[in-house]
Amino acid sequence: EEQSVLVGTVQDITERKRAEEALRESEEKLSLVMEGSQLGSWDWDIETGHVERNARWAEMLGYSLQEVHRDVKQWTDLHHPDDRAAAWQSLQDHLEGRTPMHRVEYRMRAKDGQYRWILDQATVVKRNPEGKPVRMTGTHTDISERKRAEEAKAALEGQLHQARKMESVGRLAGGVAHDFNNMLGVILGRAELALRRVNPSDPLHDDLKEILAAGKRSAEMTRHLLAFA
C-alpha cells in the first residue's frame, strides 16, 4: 500500500514582519511630520518614473491631490520658463553625484496662473547594486512671502542708496554754489565800483553794465542751485 508523504518547510519570518511593521510606522510618522510642518513632499521611483506627492504639495499651488499627475513631466511643465533649466540641472547634478543634494529655488505656476516661489530640496535614498539611483525623495517649501520680503528690502535699499547719492550731490552742489556766490559777490562789487567811475559816454560803460547784468543773472542761478542743495 502506497503512503502519501507531505514534505514542507517552516520559516521564521518574525524579524521580517517586525521590520515591515517598523517601516510602516516610520513612514506614518514621517507623513504626520510632513503634514504638520506644512511641507510638500515627493517620492520619485526613478526606474518607473512614478512620483507620489502629498496633499500639501498640491495645495501650495492651489490644486487638489486628485489633480496632480504621478509623473515628473507635470513638475517641469509648471516651472517658470526662466527657471526650468536651472531646476533640471540641479536635479541632474545630484543624480550624477556632483552635489551632495538637490537644492534649488524656482517659480512654479499655480492653478490661478500666478507663480509661487518654491524651495526644492531632495536626496537619492536608494541605489541599485551598480550604484545607479533608483529612488529619490524631497520636499517643497513655499517661500513666496520670503521672496517678496527680499524684493521689498532690495527696493528700499535701492531707494536709500539713491537718497544718499542725491544727498552727496546736494552737498557738492551747495559747496560749489556757495563758493561761486562768494566769487560773484566780488565780481558784482567790482563791476559796480567801476561803473561809477566810468563816464556813461565811454564805450566801456556799456561793457561794464553787461558784466553787471550777467553777474546778477548768475547770482539768481546760484540761488536756485542753493535751493536745490
Protein backbone atom coordinates (compact mmCIF):
# COMPACT_ATOMS: atom_id res chain seq x y z
CA GLU A 1 0.00 0.00 0.00
CA GLU A 2 1.37 3.33 -1.05
CA GLN A 3 1.51 6.12 1.51
CA SER A 4 1.46 9.83 0.78
CA VAL A 5 4.18 11.88 2.36
CA LEU A 6 3.76 15.61 2.82
CA VAL A 7 7.02 17.47 2.84
CA GLY A 8 7.21 21.13 3.80
CA THR A 9 9.36 23.76 5.41
CA VAL A 10 8.74 26.22 8.16
CA GLN A 11 10.48 29.57 8.10
CA ASP A 12 10.57 32.02 10.94
CA ILE A 13 9.59 35.39 9.40
CA THR A 14 9.17 37.19 12.69
CA GLU A 15 12.11 39.53 12.08
CA ARG A 16 10.89 40.38 8.59
CA LYS A 17 7.42 41.15 9.92
CA ARG A 18 8.91 43.31 12.65
CA ALA A 19 10.99 45.17 10.08
CA GLU A 20 7.94 45.66 7.84
CA GLU A 21 5.92 46.95 10.77
CA ALA A 22 8.70 49.26 11.86
CA LEU A 23 8.99 50.62 8.32
CA ARG A 24 5.23 51.17 8.14
CA GLU A 25 5.25 53.02 11.46
CA SER A 26 8.24 55.06 10.36
CA GLU A 27 6.51 56.07 7.12
CA GLU A 28 3.36 57.00 9.02
CA LYS A 29 5.36 59.17 11.43
CA LEU A 30 7.17 60.82 8.53
CA SER A 31 3.84 61.52 6.83
CA LEU A 32 2.48 63.13 10.01
CA VAL A 33 5.62 65.22 10.42
CA MET A 34 5.42 66.40 6.80
CA GLU A 35 1.78 67.37 7.13
CA GLY A 36 2.41 69.15 10.42
CA SER A 37 5.36 71.08 9.04
CA GLN A 38 3.36 72.25 6.01
CA LEU A 39 5.99 70.82 3.67
CA GLY A 40 5.08 69.38 0.32
CA SER A 41 6.73 66.02 -0.19
CA TRP A 42 7.50 63.93 -3.24
CA ASP A 43 8.83 60.41 -3.71
CA TRP A 44 10.20 59.52 -7.15
CA ASP A 45 10.69 55.97 -8.39
CA ILE A 46 13.33 56.79 -10.97
CA GLU A 47 13.13 53.45 -12.74
CA THR A 48 9.37 53.60 -13.38
CA GLY A 49 9.04 57.38 -13.47
CA HIS A 50 6.22 57.17 -10.91
CA VAL A 51 6.03 60.09 -8.44
CA GLU A 52 4.00 60.15 -5.23
CA ARG A 53 3.18 63.56 -3.77
CA ASN A 54 1.33 64.57 -0.61
CA ALA A 55 -1.68 66.86 -0.38
CA ARG A 56 0.38 69.85 0.76
CA TRP A 57 2.49 69.66 -2.42
CA ALA A 58 -0.70 70.17 -4.41
CA GLU A 59 -2.33 72.69 -2.06
CA MET A 60 0.53 75.18 -2.15
CA LEU A 61 -0.14 75.50 -5.89
CA GLY A 62 -3.91 75.62 -5.49
CA TYR A 63 -4.58 72.07 -6.71
CA SER A 64 -6.25 69.10 -5.10
CA LEU A 65 -4.24 65.90 -4.82
CA GLN A 66 -6.55 64.33 -7.41
CA GLU A 67 -5.43 66.95 -9.96
CA VAL A 68 -1.76 66.11 -9.53
CA HIS A 69 -0.23 63.74 -12.07
CA ARG A 70 2.06 60.97 -10.91
CA ASP A 71 4.96 61.79 -13.18
CA VAL A 72 7.89 64.18 -13.49
CA LYS A 73 6.51 65.96 -16.55
CA GLN A 74 3.93 67.92 -14.59
CA TRP A 75 6.72 69.21 -12.35
CA THR A 76 8.68 70.55 -15.31
CA ASP A 77 5.55 71.82 -17.10
CA LEU A 78 4.67 74.03 -14.11
CA HIS A 79 8.09 75.66 -13.93
CA HIS A 80 8.53 79.26 -14.91
CA PRO A 81 10.24 79.16 -18.33
CA ASP A 82 13.21 81.15 -17.00
CA ASP A 83 13.75 78.71 -14.10
CA ARG A 84 13.21 75.34 -15.79
CA ALA A 85 16.80 74.78 -16.96
CA ALA A 86 18.35 75.60 -13.57
CA ALA A 87 15.93 73.31 -11.72
CA TRP A 88 16.58 70.38 -14.03
CA GLN A 89 20.35 70.97 -13.92
CA SER A 90 20.32 70.89 -10.12
CA LEU A 91 18.47 67.58 -10.23
CA GLN A 92 20.88 66.06 -12.74
CA ASP A 93 23.92 67.29 -10.82
CA HIS A 94 22.75 65.40 -7.75
CA LEU A 95 21.72 62.25 -9.64
CA GLU A 96 25.15 62.13 -11.26
CA GLY A 97 26.94 62.60 -7.93
CA ARG A 98 28.29 66.12 -8.46
CA THR A 99 26.41 67.58 -5.50
CA PRO A 100 25.51 66.13 -2.05
CA MET A 101 21.87 67.13 -2.50
CA HIS A 102 19.41 68.70 -4.91
CA ARG A 103 18.60 72.18 -3.59
CA VAL A 104 17.22 74.93 -5.78
CA GLU A 105 14.74 77.83 -5.70
CA TYR A 106 12.40 78.40 -8.62
CA ARG A 107 8.92 79.60 -9.56
CA MET A 108 6.02 77.25 -10.22
CA ARG A 109 2.72 78.17 -11.85
CA ALA A 110 -0.26 77.81 -9.52
CA LYS A 111 -3.76 76.91 -10.65
CA ASP A 112 -4.76 80.60 -10.70
CA GLY A 113 -1.97 81.35 -13.19
CA GLN A 114 0.21 83.16 -10.67
CA TYR A 115 3.73 81.96 -9.87
CA ARG A 116 4.80 80.80 -6.43
CA TRP A 117 8.42 80.63 -5.28
CA ILE A 118 9.37 77.11 -4.21
CA LEU A 119 12.41 75.82 -2.33
CA ASP A 120 13.02 72.27 -3.58
CA GLN A 121 15.34 70.01 -1.56
CA ALA A 122 15.94 66.31 -2.18
CA THR A 123 18.40 63.42 -1.99
CA VAL A 124 18.79 59.99 -3.51
CA VAL A 125 17.65 57.47 -0.90
CA LYS A 126 18.16 54.22 -2.80
CA ARG A 127 20.57 52.88 -5.41
CA ASN A 128 20.76 49.56 -7.22
CA PRO A 129 23.75 47.20 -6.77
CA GLU A 130 25.57 49.03 -9.56
CA GLY A 131 25.18 52.33 -7.70
CA LYS A 132 22.62 53.81 -10.07
CA PRO A 133 19.95 55.99 -8.33
CA VAL A 134 16.56 54.28 -8.26
CA ARG A 135 14.65 56.32 -5.67
CA MET A 136 14.73 59.96 -4.68
CA THR A 137 12.67 61.85 -2.11
CA GLY A 138 12.33 65.55 -1.46
CA THR A 139 10.30 68.43 -0.10
CA HIS A 140 8.77 71.62 -1.44
CA THR A 141 8.55 74.74 0.71
CA ASP A 142 6.55 77.80 -0.34
CA ILE A 143 8.97 80.72 0.06
CA SER A 144 6.89 83.31 -1.82
CA GLU A 145 6.49 85.54 1.25
CA ARG A 146 10.23 85.45 1.91
CA LYS A 147 10.93 86.34 -1.72
CA ARG A 148 8.50 89.26 -1.55
CA ALA A 149 10.18 90.47 1.62
CA GLU A 150 13.60 90.19 -0.01
CA GLU A 151 12.39 92.12 -3.06
CA ALA A 152 10.86 94.82 -0.85
CA LYS A 153 14.10 95.05 1.12
CA ALA A 154 16.11 95.33 -2.10
CA ALA A 155 13.79 98.10 -3.34
CA LEU A 156 14.16 100.01 -0.06
CA GLU A 157 17.93 99.58 -0.14
CA GLY A 158 17.88 100.94 -3.70
CA GLN A 159 15.85 103.95 -2.58
CA LEU A 160 18.21 104.54 0.34
CA HIS A 161 21.21 104.30 -1.97
CA GLN A 162 19.59 106.79 -4.35
CA ALA A 163 18.77 109.13 -1.46
CA ARG A 164 22.37 109.01 -0.28
CA LYS A 165 23.58 109.75 -3.82
CA MET A 166 21.24 112.74 -4.01
CA GLU A 167 22.41 113.90 -0.60
CA SER A 168 26.01 113.75 -1.81
CA VAL A 169 25.10 115.64 -4.98
CA GLY A 170 23.26 118.20 -2.86
CA ARG A 171 26.26 118.74 -0.61
CA LEU A 172 28.53 119.09 -3.64
CA ALA A 173 26.13 121.48 -5.34
CA GLY A 174 25.77 123.50 -2.14
CA GLY A 175 29.52 123.78 -1.72
CA VAL A 176 30.06 124.81 -5.35
CA ALA A 177 27.17 127.29 -5.24
CA HIS A 178 28.46 128.82 -2.01
CA ASP A 179 31.98 129.30 -3.39
CA PHE A 180 30.66 130.60 -6.71
CA ASN A 181 28.35 133.03 -4.88
CA ASN A 182 31.32 134.42 -3.00
CA MET A 183 33.21 134.98 -6.27
CA LEU A 184 30.14 136.56 -7.84
CA GLY A 185 29.95 138.96 -4.91
CA VAL A 186 33.44 140.15 -5.70
CA ILE A 187 32.68 140.43 -9.45
CA LEU A 188 29.45 142.36 -8.87
CA GLY A 189 31.03 144.65 -6.31
CA ARG A 190 33.96 145.47 -8.56
CA ALA A 191 31.70 145.96 -11.60
CA GLU A 192 29.50 148.42 -9.69
CA LEU A 193 32.53 150.40 -8.47
CA ALA A 194 33.98 150.51 -11.98
CA LEU A 195 30.64 151.56 -13.42
CA ARG A 196 30.51 154.58 -11.09
CA ARG A 197 33.96 155.65 -12.15
CA VAL A 198 33.41 155.40 -15.90
CA ASN A 199 31.68 158.15 -17.82
CA PRO A 200 28.36 156.95 -19.33
CA SER A 201 29.60 158.19 -22.72
CA ASP A 202 32.58 155.88 -22.51
CA PRO A 203 32.13 152.67 -24.56
CA LEU A 204 33.45 150.77 -21.52
CA HIS A 205 30.39 151.86 -19.57
CA ASP A 206 28.10 149.61 -21.63
CA ASP A 207 30.51 146.69 -21.28
CA LEU A 208 30.51 147.08 -17.51
CA LYS A 209 26.71 147.20 -17.49
CA GLU A 210 26.65 143.90 -19.41
CA ILE A 211 29.11 142.36 -16.93
CA LEU A 212 26.96 143.56 -14.03
CA ALA A 213 23.76 142.17 -15.63
CA ALA A 214 25.40 138.83 -16.36
CA GLY A 215 26.66 138.70 -12.79
CA LYS A 216 23.18 139.32 -11.41
CA ARG A 217 21.72 136.58 -13.64
CA SER A 218 24.45 134.23 -12.41
CA ALA A 219 23.61 135.16 -8.83
CA GLU A 220 19.96 134.20 -9.48
CA MET A 221 21.08 130.83 -10.90
CA THR A 222 23.25 130.33 -7.82
CA ARG A 223 20.22 130.91 -5.56
CA HIS A 224 18.35 128.18 -7.46
CA LEU A 225 21.34 125.86 -7.04
CA LEU A 226 21.46 126.57 -3.31
CA ALA A 227 17.71 125.89 -3.07
CA PHE A 228 18.26 122.53 -4.79
CA ALA A 229 21.09 121.71 -2.42
